[in-house]
Each structure stands twice: as C-alpha cells, then as structure tokens.
Amino acid sequence: MHYFSILHNLVNPITIYPLQKPFVLVTYVNTTNSSDTTSYKECGEVIDWDGISRSNMCFNSDNSNDSGAWINSTIRLNANKKLGFLRIAQSACPNDWILRQYLM
C-alpha cells in the first residue's frame, strides 16, 4: 500500500512534474485574497519546453462540496507518461477520496 503525504502541497505550493516530451506540469496555489482561506485554489498548467502554456486549470471544482477552500492533493504520474497523470484529493466528505485521471 502506498501512503500519500497530505502535507506535500502545504509545504511545497509550487511543484513541477515531467510529463511526456516536451511537456511539464506545474502545480501551484492561487488566491484572490490571502486573508481568506476559502479563496485559495489549487491550479495546474501544462507548459512545453519553449515556455508556451498549453493548458491551465484550477482543480478545486473536483470537490463535491465546491466550497472554494483549497483541498490538498497529490499528483502521481502514470507509468506510461503518454497517459497523463492521476490527481488524488480528499473530498469534502471526511472519509472519501477523489481520484481523477488527466490526459494530454
């Protein structure tokens, strides 16, 4: 069984993951009001090696409650990088987890 660090993004709010050539995934936290914890959004952007943004999105809409609060998550690359990555996040329900695959 693999254990995921739920504190990973709290300590490292910007993380870079290598995807299939020539792309990288950058995950980061964005906010409109640093005093309001419900305004924090976890986002990701796929960038090519020339620095051109190919795709960006905020992940918080995965939350079934969609309170807007930043839900810490873990990104795991697929063994076959052509198949993208898996995002694992805790749901608004205490014992539920959201697993979603993202393809490029």
Protein backbone atom coordinates (compact mmCIF):
# COMPACT_ATOMS: atom_id res chain seq x y z
CA MET A 1 0.00 0.00 0.00
CA HIS A 2 1.28 3.47 -0.89
CA TYR A 3 0.81 6.32 1.54
CA PHE A 4 0.48 9.82 0.13
CA SER A 5 1.73 12.84 2.01
CA ILE A 6 -1.28 15.06 2.54
CA LEU A 7 1.05 17.86 3.63
CA HIS A 8 3.10 17.85 0.41
CA ASN A 9 1.40 20.85 -1.20
CA LEU A 10 1.18 22.76 2.07
CA VAL A 11 4.98 22.68 2.31
CA ASN A 12 5.64 22.93 -1.46
CA PRO A 13 2.85 25.04 -3.01
CA ILE A 14 4.67 25.03 -6.38
CA THR A 15 5.66 21.65 -7.83
CA ILE A 16 7.00 20.66 -11.26
CA TYR A 17 6.35 17.22 -12.77
CA PRO A 18 7.90 15.89 -16.00
CA LEU A 19 5.25 14.64 -18.42
CA GLN A 20 5.77 13.17 -21.87
CA LYS A 21 8.30 15.03 -24.02
CA PRO A 22 8.18 18.04 -24.47
CA PHE A 23 5.76 18.91 -21.62
CA VAL A 24 5.93 19.61 -17.88
CA LEU A 25 3.12 20.06 -15.38
CA VAL A 26 3.42 22.91 -12.87
CA THR A 27 1.00 22.83 -9.94
CA TYR A 28 0.59 25.89 -7.75
CA VAL A 29 -1.76 27.64 -5.35
CA ASN A 30 -3.51 30.83 -6.43
CA THR A 31 -5.61 33.21 -4.34
CA THR A 32 -7.52 36.44 -4.73
CA ASN A 33 -7.36 37.27 -1.01
CA SER A 34 -4.54 35.87 1.13
CA SER A 35 -6.54 36.60 4.31
CA ASP A 36 -9.45 34.40 3.19
CA THR A 37 -8.57 30.69 3.22
CA THR A 38 -11.63 29.86 1.10
CA SER A 39 -10.16 31.88 -1.81
CA TYR A 40 -7.14 29.55 -2.20
CA LYS A 41 -7.32 27.44 -5.37
CA GLU A 42 -5.05 24.60 -6.43
CA CYS A 43 -4.19 25.03 -10.11
CA GLY A 44 -2.09 23.33 -12.73
CA GLU A 45 -0.54 24.36 -16.02
CA VAL A 46 1.00 22.24 -18.77
CA ILE A 47 3.93 24.06 -20.36
CA ASP A 48 6.10 22.96 -23.27
CA TRP A 49 9.89 23.21 -23.32
CA ASP A 50 9.65 26.56 -25.15
CA GLY A 51 7.74 28.01 -22.19
CA ILE A 52 4.42 28.15 -24.04
CA SER A 53 1.37 27.40 -21.92
CA ARG A 54 -0.63 24.56 -23.49
CA SER A 55 -3.33 24.13 -20.85
CA ASN A 56 -4.24 25.52 -17.44
CA MET A 57 -7.00 24.89 -14.95
CA CYS A 58 -7.88 25.03 -11.28
CA PHE A 59 -8.63 21.68 -9.69
CA ASN A 60 -10.96 22.78 -6.89
CA SER A 61 -14.10 22.12 -8.90
CA ASP A 62 -13.37 18.42 -8.19
CA ASN A 63 -14.63 18.99 -4.67
CA SER A 64 -18.21 17.75 -4.43
CA ASN A 65 -18.90 20.47 -1.88
CA ASP A 66 -17.06 23.09 -4.01
CA SER A 67 -16.69 25.40 -1.02
CA GLY A 68 -13.74 27.05 -2.76
CA ALA A 69 -11.36 26.04 0.01
CA TRP A 70 -8.03 24.61 -1.10
CA ILE A 71 -8.18 20.82 -0.86
CA ASN A 72 -4.66 19.45 -0.62
CA SER A 73 -3.92 16.78 -3.21
CA THR A 74 -1.22 14.50 -4.57
CA ILE A 75 -0.20 14.11 -8.21
CA ARG A 76 1.07 10.75 -9.40
CA LEU A 77 2.44 10.35 -12.91
CA ASN A 78 1.19 7.40 -14.91
CA ALA A 79 3.81 4.71 -15.53
CA ASN A 80 3.24 5.46 -19.21
CA LYS A 81 3.72 9.24 -19.33
CA LYS A 82 1.70 9.42 -22.56
CA LEU A 83 -1.35 8.59 -20.44
CA GLY A 84 -1.00 11.72 -18.28
CA PHE A 85 -1.29 11.81 -14.51
CA LEU A 86 -3.58 10.93 -11.63
CA ARG A 87 -4.71 13.52 -9.07
CA ILE A 88 -5.73 12.23 -5.65
CA ALA A 89 -7.56 14.63 -3.31
CA GLN A 90 -9.63 14.34 -0.19
CA SER A 91 -13.31 15.01 -0.74
CA ALA A 92 -15.43 17.34 1.37
CA CYS A 93 -16.75 14.14 2.98
CA PRO A 94 -14.25 13.07 5.68
CA ASN A 95 -13.54 9.51 4.52
CA ASP A 96 -13.92 9.95 0.77
CA TRP A 97 -11.17 10.46 -1.80
CA ILE A 98 -11.38 11.80 -5.33
CA LEU A 99 -9.25 10.07 -7.94
CA ARG A 100 -9.20 11.65 -11.39
CA GLN A 101 -7.00 10.93 -14.38
CA TYR A 102 -5.91 13.79 -16.64
CA LEU A 103 -4.78 13.12 -20.19
CA MET A 104 -2.82 15.31 -22.53
